Amino acid sequence: MDSPASGPRVRRRPSIHRSWNEINLTDDQKHTKMSDKQEHKSGPNTPVLRLRRVSKVENEDSANESDHENSVDNKGGDLSMEAELEADEEHLEASNASLPSFNTSDIYDAGNMDDDFQAIHDQEKSNADSDVITLAIILFSLFSVLLACWTYDAKESFDLQSIKESFPTQDDDLWVAFESGVEDVVLRGRPSTFILLYEDEAREVMQELVYKLSKFAACNITDCEKEPIEITDAELNSARVLRDYGTVIEKYRHKLQEKGVMVIKNLENVRGTSAQAFHSFCDEFTPLVQKSLFIFTMKVDQLPRTPNKMKFIEEYFKRKWTDIRNDTFNALITRITSMVLEIKT
């Protein structure tokens, strides 16, 4: 039964207001505070605080041991790492020791090596050039020998003795006179002039003999490869030459210097006006070309019976060359008739 004096009982709600310090407590502080409350409730003789402190100490000891172990582990790891680094350093030193040493002198040696290589290259190039020069000298010498042999063979083929053997019917005077005339040109440097008289029956013999004699003269005066100059009566009797015989001199002077031998065919048909060109060519004292030889071919009806063949030629052309003055004729005939030879069949 309810007591009338006491009235209705009212339940109090717990206060929701907390201090700012309680809100901001850390977990350890909250735990400590709760332990204090329990100790307060249990009384002073309860071992709760002791257990908490012991547990805390043990936790601290375990933490310290863990830190010590970690520290030991870390120290052991550091030691093992240092050992590995030392081993790597020793290995690197051993590797460097096995490599060739390099210092500043090596740079100088490398420069010298480049100079040595360049010197070797230059020497090899010089040797190659020397080989080329030597080969060129050998080839040139061989070519000279072959050319000399060919020239010798050519001279042998146009040797006067061999020509004489090919024409046994000719007089010995022909060979002696021709050899003497070539020697005058070669040794004394003055022109030689020959008039070869022949009859019509000896035309072919004359042509072959003139060719070989002219080649013999060219081989001795200039070169066996040189072909003699040939001038025909048709050219000398042309209107151009009759107007000015100096054109013959102008045309053949330089060629005669090169070839050395001139053959004038069919002199019996040449006009006196044109023949004046040979006044300068055949002059023994002031010739246009010093080393030169002239062969005139002249066909006659009959070979002269007189031994004075030059007189025969003079009388023949005195009757024919009436187109020039006597003084001119005398000077011209003297120059071209120094040697008159007969060609027989």
C-alpha atoms as a PDB file:
ATOM      1  CA  MET A   1       0.000   0.000   0.000  1.00  0.00           C
ATOM      2  CA  ASP A   2       1.260   3.274  -0.921  1.00  0.00           C
ATOM      3  CA  SER A   3       2.080   5.812   1.573  1.00  0.00           C
ATOM      4  CA  PRO A   4       0.147   8.991   1.005  1.00  0.00           C
ATOM      5  CA  ALA A   5       2.940  11.158   2.210  1.00  0.00           C
ATOM      6  CA  SER A   6       5.523   9.931  -0.107  1.00  0.00           C
ATOM      7  CA  GLY A   7       3.832  10.872  -3.429  1.00  0.00           C
ATOM      8  CA  PRO A   8       4.619   9.428  -6.844  1.00  0.00           C
ATOM      9  CA  ARG A   9       8.234   8.312  -7.500  1.00  0.00           C
ATOM     10  CA  VAL A  10      10.039   9.984 -10.374  1.00  0.00           C
ATOM     11  CA  ARG A  11      12.922   8.245 -12.322  1.00  0.00           C
ATOM     12  CA  ARG A  12      15.840  10.397 -13.140  1.00  0.00           C
ATOM     13  CA  ARG A  13      17.432  10.192 -16.479  1.00  0.00           C
ATOM     14  CA  PRO A  14      21.203  10.090 -16.631  1.00  0.00           C
ATOM     15  CA  SER A  15      22.762  13.351 -17.532  1.00  0.00           C
ATOM     16  CA  ILE A  16      23.795  13.614 -21.153  1.00  0.00           C
ATOM     17  CA  HIS A  17      26.061  16.511 -20.441  1.00  0.00           C
ATOM     18  CA  ARG A  18      29.695  15.612 -20.283  1.00  0.00           C
ATOM     19  CA  SER A  19      32.613  17.762 -19.761  1.00  0.00           C
ATOM     20  CA  TRP A  20      34.886  18.606 -22.665  1.00  0.00           C
ATOM     21  CA  ASN A  21      37.750  16.819 -20.940  1.00  0.00           C
ATOM     22  CA  GLU A  22      35.825  13.560 -20.815  1.00  0.00           C
ATOM     23  CA  ILE A  23      35.068  13.701 -24.511  1.00  0.00           C
ATOM     24  CA  ASN A  24      38.649  14.302 -25.419  1.00  0.00           C
ATOM     25  CA  LEU A  25      40.028  11.505 -23.273  1.00  0.00           C
ATOM     26  CA  THR A  26      42.226   9.017 -24.959  1.00  0.00           C
ATOM     27  CA  ASP A  27      41.561   5.306 -24.889  1.00  0.00           C
ATOM     28  CA  ASP A  28      44.226   4.715 -22.237  1.00  0.00           C
ATOM     29  CA  GLN A  29      42.857   7.499 -20.113  1.00  0.00           C
ATOM     30  CA  LYS A  30      39.367   6.108 -20.459  1.00  0.00           C
ATOM     31  CA  HIS A  31      40.606   2.678 -19.482  1.00  0.00           C
ATOM     32  CA  THR A  32      42.436   4.105 -16.447  1.00  0.00           C
ATOM     33  CA  LYS A  33      39.430   6.020 -15.342  1.00  0.00           C
ATOM     34  CA  MET A  34      37.184   2.968 -15.603  1.00  0.00           C
ATOM     35  CA  SER A  35      39.690   0.979 -13.583  1.00  0.00           C
ATOM     36  CA  ASP A  36      39.731   3.649 -10.913  1.00  0.00           C
ATOM     37  CA  LYS A  37      35.992   3.504 -10.708  1.00  0.00           C
ATOM     38  CA  GLN A  38      36.040  -0.236 -10.315  1.00  0.00           C
ATOM     39  CA  GLU A  39      38.740   0.041  -7.626  1.00  0.00           C
ATOM     40  CA  HIS A  40      36.701   2.607  -5.847  1.00  0.00           C
ATOM     41  CA  LYS A  41      33.726   0.367  -5.927  1.00  0.00           C
ATOM     42  CA  SER A  42      35.593  -2.724  -4.879  1.00  0.00           C
ATOM     43  CA  GLY A  43      37.478  -1.145  -2.098  1.00  0.00           C
ATOM     44  CA  PRO A  44      41.078  -0.540  -1.401  1.00  0.00           C
ATOM     45  CA  ASN A  45      41.962  -4.106  -0.757  1.00  0.00           C
ATOM     46  CA  THR A  46      41.014  -5.450  -4.125  1.00  0.00           C
ATOM     47  CA  PRO A  47      43.999  -6.399  -6.422  1.00  0.00           C
ATOM     48  CA  VAL A  48      42.475  -4.918  -9.550  1.00  0.00           C
ATOM     49  CA  LEU A  49      44.929  -2.035  -9.806  1.00  0.00           C
ATOM     50  CA  ARG A  50      47.804  -4.385  -9.156  1.00  0.00           C
ATOM     51  CA  LEU A  51      46.741  -6.625 -11.927  1.00  0.00           C
ATOM     52  CA  ARG A  52      46.276  -3.709 -14.249  1.00  0.00           C
ATOM     53  CA  ARG A  53      49.682  -2.331 -13.469  1.00  0.00           C
ATOM     54  CA  VAL A  54      51.300  -5.683 -13.743  1.00  0.00           C
ATOM     55  CA  SER A  55      49.582  -6.227 -17.032  1.00  0.00           C
ATOM     56  CA  LYS A  56      50.710  -2.841 -18.165  1.00  0.00           C
ATOM     57  CA  VAL A  57      54.264  -3.513 -17.078  1.00  0.00           C
ATOM     58  CA  GLU A  58      54.190  -6.843 -18.806  1.00  0.00           C
ATOM     59  CA  ASN A  59      52.855  -5.208 -21.889  1.00  0.00           C
ATOM     60  CA  GLU A  60      55.608  -2.638 -21.682  1.00  0.00           C
ATOM     61  CA  ASP A  61      58.197  -5.361 -21.155  1.00  0.00           C
ATOM     62  CA  SER A  62      56.872  -7.337 -24.073  1.00  0.00           C
ATOM     63  CA  ALA A  63      56.889  -4.188 -26.134  1.00  0.00           C
ATOM     64  CA  ASN A  64      60.427  -3.447 -25.042  1.00  0.00           C
ATOM     65  CA  GLU A  65      61.465  -6.994 -25.815  1.00  0.00           C
ATOM     66  CA  SER A  66      59.788  -6.731 -29.186  1.00  0.00           C
ATOM     67  CA  ASP A  67      61.546  -3.450 -29.813  1.00  0.00           C
ATOM     68  CA  HIS A  68      64.790  -5.027 -28.627  1.00  0.00           C
ATOM     69  CA  GLU A  69      64.287  -7.972 -30.935  1.00  0.00           C
ATOM     70  CA  ASN A  70      63.407  -5.676 -33.757  1.00  0.00           C
ATOM     71  CA  SER A  71      66.442  -3.625 -32.900  1.00  0.00           C
ATOM     72  CA  VAL A  72      68.574  -6.749 -32.824  1.00  0.00           C
ATOM     73  CA  ASP A  73      67.004  -7.897 -36.045  1.00  0.00           C
ATOM     74  CA  ASN A  74      67.615  -4.511 -37.543  1.00  0.00           C
ATOM     75  CA  LYS A  75      71.181  -4.578 -36.296  1.00  0.00           C
ATOM     76  CA  GLY A  76      71.585  -8.079 -37.676  1.00  0.00           C
ATOM     77  CA  GLY A  77      70.109  -6.936 -40.967  1.00  0.00           C
ATOM     78  CA  ASP A  78      72.399  -3.941 -40.944  1.00  0.00           C
ATOM     79  CA  LEU A  79      75.353  -6.198 -40.228  1.00  0.00           C
ATOM     80  CA  SER A  80      74.396  -8.587 -42.973  1.00  0.00           C
ATOM     81  CA  MET A  81      73.883  -5.678 -45.348  1.00  0.00           C
ATOM     82  CA  GLU A  82      77.263  -4.248 -44.418  1.00  0.00           C
ATOM     83  CA  ALA A  83      78.808  -7.657 -45.016  1.00  0.00           C
ATOM     84  CA  GLU A  84      77.166  -7.815 -48.419  1.00  0.00           C
ATOM     85  CA  LEU A  85      78.372  -4.317 -49.247  1.00  0.00           C
ATOM     86  CA  GLU A  86      81.892  -5.233 -48.167  1.00  0.00           C
ATOM     87  CA  ALA A  87      81.708  -8.383 -50.311  1.00  0.00           C
ATOM     88  CA  ASP A  88      80.496  -6.339 -53.272  1.00  0.00           C
ATOM     89  CA  GLU A  89      83.302  -3.855 -52.748  1.00  0.00           C
ATOM     90  CA  GLU A  90      85.856  -6.645 -52.589  1.00  0.00           C
ATOM     91  CA  HIS A  91      84.396  -8.185 -55.755  1.00  0.00           C
ATOM     92  CA  LEU A  92      84.472  -4.803 -57.503  1.00  0.00           C
ATOM     93  CA  GLU A  93      88.072  -4.263 -56.431  1.00  0.00           C
ATOM     94  CA  ALA A  94      88.998  -7.704 -57.731  1.00  0.00           C
ATOM     95  CA  SER A  95      87.262  -6.949 -61.033  1.00  0.00           C
ATOM     96  CA  ASN A  96      89.039  -3.610 -61.325  1.00  0.00           C
ATOM     97  CA  ALA A  97      92.322  -5.312 -60.544  1.00  0.00           C
ATOM     98  CA  SER A  98      91.755  -7.726 -63.415  1.00  0.00           C
ATOM     99  CA  LEU A  99      91.159  -4.803 -65.830  1.00  0.00           C
ATOM    100  CA  PRO A 100      94.164  -3.117 -67.502  1.00  0.00           C
ATOM    101  CA  SER A 101      95.338  -0.049 -65.728  1.00  0.00           C
ATOM    102  CA  PHE A 102      94.588   3.298 -67.324  1.00  0.00           C
ATOM    103  CA  ASN A 103      96.223   6.554 -66.611  1.00  0.00           C
ATOM    104  CA  THR A 104      96.964   9.817 -68.374  1.00  0.00           C
ATOM    105  CA  SER A 105      99.963   8.322 -70.083  1.00  0.00           C
ATOM    106  CA  ASP A 106      97.580   5.952 -71.851  1.00  0.00           C
ATOM    107  CA  ILE A 107      96.069   8.964 -73.596  1.00  0.00           C
ATOM    108  CA  TYR A 108      99.492   9.915 -74.853  1.00  0.00           C
ATOM    109  CA  ASP A 109     100.093   6.295 -75.866  1.00  0.00           C
ATOM    110  CA  ALA A 110      96.761   6.265 -77.713  1.00  0.00           C
ATOM    111  CA  GLY A 111      97.806   9.381 -79.616  1.00  0.00           C
ATOM    112  CA  ASN A 112     101.085   7.756 -80.458  1.00  0.00           C
ATOM    113  CA  MET A 113      99.180   4.674 -81.570  1.00  0.00           C
ATOM    114  CA  ASP A 114      97.115   6.817 -83.944  1.00  0.00           C
ATOM    115  CA  ASP A 115     100.347   8.316 -85.268  1.00  0.00           C
ATOM    116  CA  ASP A 116     101.767   4.831 -85.690  1.00  0.00           C
ATOM    117  CA  PHE A 117      98.662   3.718 -87.571  1.00  0.00           C
ATOM    118  CA  GLN A 118      98.899   6.809 -89.794  1.00  0.00           C
ATOM    119  CA  ALA A 119     102.586   6.160 -90.382  1.00  0.00           C
ATOM    120  CA  ILE A 120     101.833   2.538 -91.290  1.00  0.00           C
ATOM    121  CA  HIS A 121      99.049   3.670 -93.626  1.00  0.00           C
ATOM    122  CA  ASP A 122     101.359   6.212 -95.254  1.00  0.00           C
ATOM    123  CA  GLN A 123     104.079   3.598 -95.593  1.00  0.00           C
ATOM    124  CA  GLU A 124     101.639   1.149 -97.192  1.00  0.00           C
ATOM    125  CA  LYS A 125     100.444   3.865 -99.554  1.00  0.00           C
ATOM    126  CA  SER A 126     104.026   4.754-100.390  1.00  0.00           C
ATOM    127  CA  ASN A 127     104.803   1.091-101.021  1.00  0.00           C
ATOM    128  CA  ALA A 128     101.738   0.804-103.272  1.00  0.00           C
ATOM    129  CA  ASP A 129     102.814   3.898-105.202  1.00  0.00           C
ATOM    130  CA  SER A 130     106.301   2.478-105.511  1.00  0.00           C
ATOM    131  CA  ASP A 131     104.870  -0.774-106.819  1.00  0.00           C
ATOM    132  CA  VAL A 132     102.831   1.115-109.406  1.00  0.00           C
ATOM    133  CA  ILE A 133     105.860   3.136-110.471  1.00  0.00           C
ATOM    134  CA  THR A 134     107.976  -0.006-110.646  1.00  0.00           C
ATOM    135  CA  LEU A 135     105.326  -1.745-112.725  1.00  0.00           C
ATOM    136  CA  ALA A 136     105.088   1.274-115.030  1.00  0.00           C
ATOM    137  CA  ILE A 137     108.866   1.297-115.441  1.00  0.00           C
ATOM    138  CA  ILE A 138     108.869  -2.412-116.231  1.00  0.00           C
ATOM    139  CA  LEU A 139     106.065  -2.029-118.761  1.00  0.00           C
ATOM    140  CA  PHE A 140     107.750   0.984-120.324  1.00  0.00           C
ATOM    141  CA  SER A 141     111.042  -0.894-120.532  1.00  0.00           C
ATOM    142  CA  LEU A 142     109.313  -3.882-122.076  1.00  0.00           C
ATOM    143  CA  PHE A 143     107.547  -1.629-124.557  1.00  0.00           C
ATOM    144  CA  SER A 144     110.839   0.076-125.399  1.00  0.00           C
ATOM    145  CA  VAL A 145     112.518  -3.271-125.978  1.00  0.00           C
ATOM    146  CA  LEU A 146     109.677  -4.445-128.187  1.00  0.00           C
ATOM    147  CA  LEU A 147     109.706  -1.168-130.082  1.00  0.00           C
ATOM    148  CA  ALA A 148     113.468  -1.374-130.499  1.00  0.00           C
ATOM    149  CA  CYS A 149     113.149  -4.943-131.764  1.00  0.00           C
ATOM    150  CA  TRP A 150     110.401  -3.914-134.164  1.00  0.00           C
ATOM    151  CA  THR A 151     112.437  -0.932-135.341  1.00  0.00           C
ATOM    152  CA  TYR A 152     115.464  -3.137-135.758  1.00  0.00           C
ATOM    153  CA  ASP A 153     113.419  -5.607-137.787  1.00  0.00           C
ATOM    154  CA  ALA A 154     112.051  -2.748-139.876  1.00  0.00           C
ATOM    155  CA  LYS A 155     115.538  -1.418-140.509  1.00  0.00           C
ATOM    156  CA  GLU A 156     116.707  -4.910-141.327  1.00  0.00           C
ATOM    157  CA  SER A 157     113.882  -5.285-143.839  1.00  0.00           C
ATOM    158  CA  PHE A 158     114.978  -1.982-145.472  1.00  0.00           C
ATOM    159  CA  ASP A 159     118.680  -2.602-145.094  1.00  0.00           C
ATOM    160  CA  LEU A 160     120.615  -1.510-148.160  1.00  0.00           C
ATOM    161  CA  GLN A 161     122.355  -4.841-148.490  1.00  0.00           C
ATOM    162  CA  SER A 162     119.061  -6.749-148.480  1.00  0.00           C
ATOM    163  CA  ILE A 163     117.652  -4.309-151.058  1.00  0.00           C
ATOM    164  CA  LYS A 164     120.728  -4.844-153.194  1.00  0.00           C
ATOM    165  CA  GLU A 165     120.211  -8.594-153.070  1.00  0.00           C
ATOM    166  CA  SER A 166     116.620  -8.120-154.201  1.00  0.00           C
ATOM    167  CA  PHE A 167     117.766  -6.171-157.277  1.00  0.00           C
ATOM    168  CA  PRO A 168     120.828  -7.984-158.584  1.00  0.00           C
ATOM    169  CA  THR A 169     120.661  -6.393-162.059  1.00  0.00           C
ATOM    170  CA  GLN A 170     121.356  -2.870-160.809  1.00  0.00           C
ATOM    171  CA  ASP A 171     124.819  -1.359-161.013  1.00  0.00           C
ATOM    172  CA  ASP A 172     126.955  -1.075-157.911  1.00  0.00           C
ATOM    173  CA  ASP A 173     127.230   2.650-158.472  1.00  0.00           C
ATOM    174  CA  LEU A 174     123.568   2.991-157.479  1.00  0.00           C
ATOM    175  CA  TRP A 175     124.121   1.447-154.014  1.00  0.00           C
ATOM    176  CA  VAL A 176     127.318   3.334-153.319  1.00  0.00           C
ATOM    177  CA  ALA A 177     125.830   6.674-154.375  1.00  0.00           C
ATOM    178  CA  PHE A 178     122.640   6.202-152.397  1.00  0.00           C
ATOM    179  CA  GLU A 179     124.407   5.108-149.224  1.00  0.00           C
ATOM    180  CA  SER A 180     126.765   8.083-149.507  1.00  0.00           C
ATOM    181  CA  GLY A 181     123.848  10.474-149.980  1.00  0.00           C
ATOM    182  CA  VAL A 182     122.043   9.186-146.876  1.00  0.00           C
ATOM    183  CA  GLU A 183     125.208   9.573-144.825  1.00  0.00           C
ATOM    184  CA  ASP A 184     125.523  13.182-145.939  1.00  0.00           C
ATOM    185  CA  VAL A 185     122.042  13.889-144.656  1.00  0.00           C
ATOM    186  CA  VAL A 186     122.511  12.080-141.349  1.00  0.00           C
ATOM    187  CA  LEU A 187     126.082  13.086-140.537  1.00  0.00           C
ATOM    188  CA  ARG A 188     126.452  16.472-142.218  1.00  0.00           C
ATOM    189  CA  GLY A 189     122.888  17.712-142.045  1.00  0.00           C
ATOM    190  CA  ARG A 190     122.576  18.778-145.668  1.00  0.00           C
ATOM    191  CA  PRO A 191     120.105  17.685-148.356  1.00  0.00           C
ATOM    192  CA  SER A 192     120.836  14.948-150.899  1.00  0.00           C
ATOM    193  CA  THR A 193     119.195  14.838-154.320  1.00  0.00           C
ATOM    194  CA  PHE A 194     118.859  11.889-156.730  1.00  0.00           C
ATOM    195  CA  ILE A 195     117.448  11.634-160.249  1.00  0.00           C
ATOM    196  CA  LEU A 196     116.555   8.060-161.190  1.00  0.00           C
ATOM    197  CA  LEU A 197     116.369   7.530-164.950  1.00  0.00           C
ATOM    198  CA  TYR A 198     114.386   4.580-166.245  1.00  0.00           C
ATOM    199  CA  GLU A 199     112.865   3.300-169.438  1.00  0.00           C
ATOM    200  CA  ASP A 200     109.237   2.308-169.699  1.00  0.00           C
ATOM    201  CA  GLU A 201     110.100  -1.401-169.477  1.00  0.00           C
ATOM    202  CA  ALA A 202     111.617  -0.839-166.043  1.00  0.00           C
ATOM    203  CA  ARG A 203     108.584   0.986-164.590  1.00  0.00           C
ATOM    204  CA  GLU A 204     107.596  -1.709-162.102  1.00  0.00           C
ATOM    205  CA  VAL A 205     111.171  -2.296-161.029  1.00  0.00           C
ATOM    206  CA  MET A 206     111.607   1.427-160.608  1.00  0.00           C
ATOM    207  CA  GLN A 207     108.475   1.749-158.447  1.00  0.00           C
ATOM    208  CA  GLU A 208     109.458  -1.065-156.123  1.00  0.00           C
ATOM    209  CA  LEU A 209     113.044   0.106-155.893  1.00  0.00           C
ATOM    210  CA  VAL A 210     112.067   3.708-155.180  1.00  0.00           C
ATOM    211  CA  TYR A 211     109.748   2.574-152.387  1.00  0.00           C
ATOM    212  CA  LYS A 212     112.454   0.523-150.664  1.00  0.00           C
ATOM    213  CA  LEU A 213     115.157   3.139-151.115  1.00  0.00           C
ATOM    214  CA  SER A 214     112.903   5.859-149.713  1.00  0.00           C
ATOM    215  CA  LYS A 215     112.029   3.680-146.700  1.00  0.00           C
ATOM    216  CA  PHE A 216     115.700   2.966-146.116  1.00  0.00           C
ATOM    217  CA  ALA A 217     116.389   6.699-146.152  1.00  0.00           C
ATOM    218  CA  ALA A 218     113.445   7.452-143.805  1.00  0.00           C
ATOM    219  CA  CYS A 219     114.591   4.792-141.300  1.00  0.00           C
ATOM    220  CA  ASN A 220     117.990   6.456-141.091  1.00  0.00           C
ATOM    221  CA  ILE A 221     116.927  10.101-141.286  1.00  0.00           C
ATOM    222  CA  THR A 222     113.725  10.145-139.227  1.00  0.00           C
ATOM    223  CA  ASP A 223     111.708   7.004-138.409  1.00  0.00           C
ATOM    224  CA  CYS A 224     110.816   3.760-140.138  1.00  0.00           C
ATOM    225  CA  GLU A 225     107.144   4.463-139.438  1.00  0.00           C
ATOM    226  CA  LYS A 226     107.266   7.629-141.500  1.00  0.00           C
ATOM    227  CA  GLU A 227     106.065   7.367-145.085  1.00  0.00           C
ATOM    228  CA  PRO A 228     107.831   9.502-147.706  1.00  0.00           C
ATOM    229  CA  ILE A 229     106.083  12.502-149.249  1.00  0.00           C
ATOM    230  CA  GLU A 230     104.958  11.883-152.822  1.00  0.00           C
ATOM    231  CA  ILE A 231     104.338  14.694-155.303  1.00  0.00           C
ATOM    232  CA  THR A 232     103.106  13.994-158.839  1.00  0.00           C
ATOM    233  CA  ASP A 233     103.602  15.974-162.024  1.00  0.00           C
ATOM    234  CA  ALA A 234      99.864  16.629-162.118  1.00  0.00           C
ATOM    235  CA  GLU A 235      99.990  18.570-158.853  1.00  0.00           C
ATOM    236  CA  LEU A 236     103.071  20.546-159.890  1.00  0.00           C
ATOM    237  CA  ASN A 237     101.472  21.513-163.200  1.00  0.00           C
ATOM    238  CA  SER A 238      98.249  22.699-161.598  1.00  0.00           C
ATOM    239  CA  ALA A 239      97.110  26.269-162.268  1.00  0.00           C
ATOM    240  CA  ARG A 240      97.562  27.210-158.617  1.00  0.00           C
ATOM    241  CA  VAL A 241     101.238  26.113-158.574  1.00  0.00           C
ATOM    242  CA  LEU A 242     101.929  27.674-161.984  1.00  0.00           C
ATOM    243  CA  ARG A 243     100.662  30.993-160.662  1.00  0.00           C
ATOM    244  CA  ASP A 244     102.714  30.712-157.443  1.00  0.00           C
ATOM    245  CA  TYR A 245     105.166  27.857-156.909  1.00  0.00           C
ATOM    246  CA  GLY A 246     105.592  29.120-153.353  1.00  0.00           C
ATOM    247  CA  THR A 247     102.404  27.200-152.461  1.00  0.00           C
ATOM    248  CA  VAL A 248     104.398  23.969-152.851  1.00  0.00           C
ATOM    249  CA  ILE A 249     106.991  25.217-150.396  1.00  0.00           C
ATOM    250  CA  GLU A 250     104.312  26.337-147.944  1.00  0.00           C
ATOM    251  CA  LYS A 251     102.440  23.037-148.172  1.00  0.00           C
ATOM    252  CA  TYR A 252     105.339  20.591-147.803  1.00  0.00           C
ATOM    253  CA  ARG A 253     107.967  22.358-145.745  1.00  0.00           C
ATOM    254  CA  HIS A 254     106.714  21.218-142.334  1.00  0.00           C
ATOM    255  CA  LYS A 255     105.818  17.765-143.626  1.00  0.00           C
ATOM    256  CA  LEU A 256     109.365  17.377-144.927  1.00  0.00           C
ATOM    257  CA  GLN A 257     110.726  18.260-141.468  1.00  0.00           C
ATOM    258  CA  GLU A 258     108.624  15.455-140.036  1.00  0.00           C
ATOM    259  CA  LYS A 259     109.183  12.755-142.679  1.00  0.00           C
ATOM    260  CA  GLY A 260     112.592  13.654-144.123  1.00  0.00           C
ATOM    261  CA  VAL A 261     112.092  12.114-147.592  1.00  0.00           C
ATOM    262  CA  MET A 262     110.269  13.439-150.657  1.00  0.00           C
ATOM    263  CA  VAL A 263     109.620  11.582-153.920  1.00  0.00           C
ATOM    264  CA  ILE A 264     108.821  13.671-157.033  1.00  0.00           C
ATOM    265  CA  LYS A 265     107.324  11.527-159.766  1.00  0.00           C
ATOM    266  CA  ASN A 266     107.615  12.095-163.507  1.00  0.00           C
ATOM    267  CA  LEU A 267     110.019  15.003-163.481  1.00  0.00           C
ATOM    268  CA  GLU A 268     110.135  14.907-167.287  1.00  0.00           C
ATOM    269  CA  ASN A 269     106.596  16.320-167.368  1.00  0.00           C
ATOM    270  CA  VAL A 270     107.043  19.127-164.823  1.00  0.00           C
ATOM    271  CA  ARG A 271     107.067  22.734-166.108  1.00  0.00           C
ATOM    272  CA  GLY A 272     110.056  24.938-165.359  1.00  0.00           C
ATOM    273  CA  THR A 273     107.891  27.466-163.485  1.00  0.00           C
ATOM    274  CA  SER A 274     106.746  24.833-160.987  1.00  0.00           C
ATOM    275  CA  ALA A 275     110.233  23.266-160.719  1.00  0.00           C
ATOM    276  CA  GLN A 276     111.559  26.513-159.240  1.00  0.00           C
ATOM    277  CA  ALA A 277     110.114  25.378-155.875  1.00  0.00           C
ATOM    278  CA  PHE A 278     112.993  22.901-155.604  1.00  0.00           C
ATOM    279  CA  HIS A 279     115.546  25.675-155.900  1.00  0.00           C
ATOM    280  CA  SER A 280     114.991  26.360-152.183  1.00  0.00           C
ATOM    281  CA  PHE A 281     114.375  22.753-151.121  1.00  0.00           C
ATOM    282  CA  CYS A 282     117.550  21.342-152.729  1.00  0.00           C
ATOM    283  CA  ASP A 283     119.969  24.106-151.843  1.00  0.00           C
ATOM    284  CA  GLU A 284     122.915  22.451-150.106  1.00  0.00           C
ATOM    285  CA  PHE A 285     124.085  25.615-148.354  1.00  0.00           C
ATOM    286  CA  THR A 286     120.827  27.293-147.268  1.00  0.00           C
ATOM    287  CA  PRO A 287     118.175  24.543-147.401  1.00  0.00           C
ATOM    288  CA  LEU A 288     114.653  24.943-146.078  1.00  0.00           C
ATOM    289  CA  VAL A 289     115.009  21.579-144.305  1.00  0.00           C
ATOM    290  CA  GLN A 290     118.538  20.473-143.545  1.00  0.00           C
ATOM    291  CA  LYS A 291     117.970  16.754-142.976  1.00  0.00           C
ATOM    292  CA  SER A 292     116.062  15.932-146.131  1.00  0.00           C
ATOM    293  CA  LEU A 293     116.440  13.661-149.146  1.00  0.00           C
ATOM    294  CA  PHE A 294     114.830  14.054-152.602  1.00  0.00           C
ATOM    295  CA  ILE A 295     114.240  11.358-155.205  1.00  0.00           C
ATOM    296  CA  PHE A 296     113.156  12.485-158.686  1.00  0.00           C
ATOM    297  CA  THR A 297     111.945   9.834-161.094  1.00  0.00           C
ATOM    298  CA  MET A 298     112.365  10.545-164.788  1.00  0.00           C
ATOM    299  CA  LYS A 299     111.291   8.343-167.647  1.00  0.00           C
ATOM    300  CA  VAL A 300     113.332   8.536-170.810  1.00  0.00           C
ATOM    301  CA  ASP A 301     112.949   6.899-174.175  1.00  0.00           C
ATOM    302  CA  GLN A 302     116.442   5.509-173.873  1.00  0.00           C
ATOM    303  CA  LEU A 303     119.040   5.550-171.158  1.00  0.00           C
ATOM    304  CA  PRO A 304     121.970   7.873-171.958  1.00  0.00           C
ATOM    305  CA  ARG A 305     124.937   6.233-173.565  1.00  0.00           C
ATOM    306  CA  THR A 306     127.327   8.886-172.323  1.00  0.00           C
ATOM    307  CA  PRO A 307     128.916   8.467-168.911  1.00  0.00           C
ATOM    308  CA  ASN A 308     128.215  12.144-168.166  1.00  0.00           C
ATOM    309  CA  LYS A 309     124.583  11.717-167.106  1.00  0.00           C
ATOM    310  CA  MET A 310     124.361  15.187-165.545  1.00  0.00           C
ATOM    311  CA  LYS A 311     125.133  16.685-168.950  1.00  0.00           C
ATOM    312  CA  PHE A 312     122.338  14.572-170.418  1.00  0.00           C
ATOM    313  CA  ILE A 313     119.830  15.960-167.871  1.00  0.00           C
ATOM    314  CA  GLU A 314     120.991  19.543-168.419  1.00  0.00           C
ATOM    315  CA  GLU A 315     120.508  19.384-172.169  1.00  0.00           C
ATOM    316  CA  TYR A 316     117.121  17.702-171.811  1.00  0.00           C
ATOM    317  CA  PHE A 317     115.616  20.383-169.533  1.00  0.00           C
ATOM    318  CA  LYS A 318     117.292  23.269-171.361  1.00  0.00           C
ATOM    319  CA  ARG A 319     115.143  22.388-174.326  1.00  0.00           C
ATOM    320  CA  LYS A 320     112.041  21.894-172.160  1.00  0.00           C
ATOM    321  CA  TRP A 321     112.172  24.627-169.519  1.00  0.00           C
ATOM    322  CA  THR A 322     112.011  27.602-171.803  1.00  0.00           C
ATOM    323  CA  ASP A 323     109.482  29.249-169.460  1.00  0.00           C
ATOM    324  CA  ILE A 324     112.217  30.365-167.023  1.00  0.00           C
ATOM    325  CA  ARG A 325     115.265  32.619-167.406  1.00  0.00           C
ATOM    326  CA  ASN A 326     118.725  31.177-168.072  1.00  0.00           C
ATOM    327  CA  ASP A 327     120.230  32.268-164.735  1.00  0.00           C
ATOM    328  CA  THR A 328     117.316  30.693-162.903  1.00  0.00           C
ATOM    329  CA  PHE A 329     117.658  27.553-164.995  1.00  0.00           C
ATOM    330  CA  ASN A 330     121.376  27.239-164.301  1.00  0.00           C
ATOM    331  CA  ALA A 331     120.947  27.579-160.534  1.00  0.00           C
ATOM    332  CA  LEU A 332     118.055  25.092-160.496  1.00  0.00           C
ATOM    333  CA  ILE A 333     119.677  22.410-162.662  1.00  0.00           C
ATOM    334  CA  THR A 334     122.840  22.542-160.545  1.00  0.00           C
ATOM    335  CA  ARG A 335     120.860  21.797-157.373  1.00  0.00           C
ATOM    336  CA  ILE A 336     118.789  18.868-158.656  1.00  0.00           C
ATOM    337  CA  THR A 337     121.431  16.996-160.651  1.00  0.00           C
ATOM    338  CA  SER A 338     124.050  16.318-158.010  1.00  0.00           C
ATOM    339  CA  MET A 339     123.466  12.554-158.440  1.00  0.00           C
ATOM    340  CA  VAL A 340     121.932  10.960-161.567  1.00  0.00           C
ATOM    341  CA  LEU A 341     121.439   7.168-161.471  1.00  0.00           C
ATOM    342  CA  GLU A 342     120.028   4.631-163.926  1.00  0.00           C
ATOM    343  CA  ILE A 343     117.398   1.987-163.179  1.00  0.00           C
ATOM    344  CA  LYS A 344     117.642  -1.137-165.276  1.00  0.00           C
ATOM    345  CA  THR A 345     115.218  -3.947-165.868  1.00  0.00           C
END
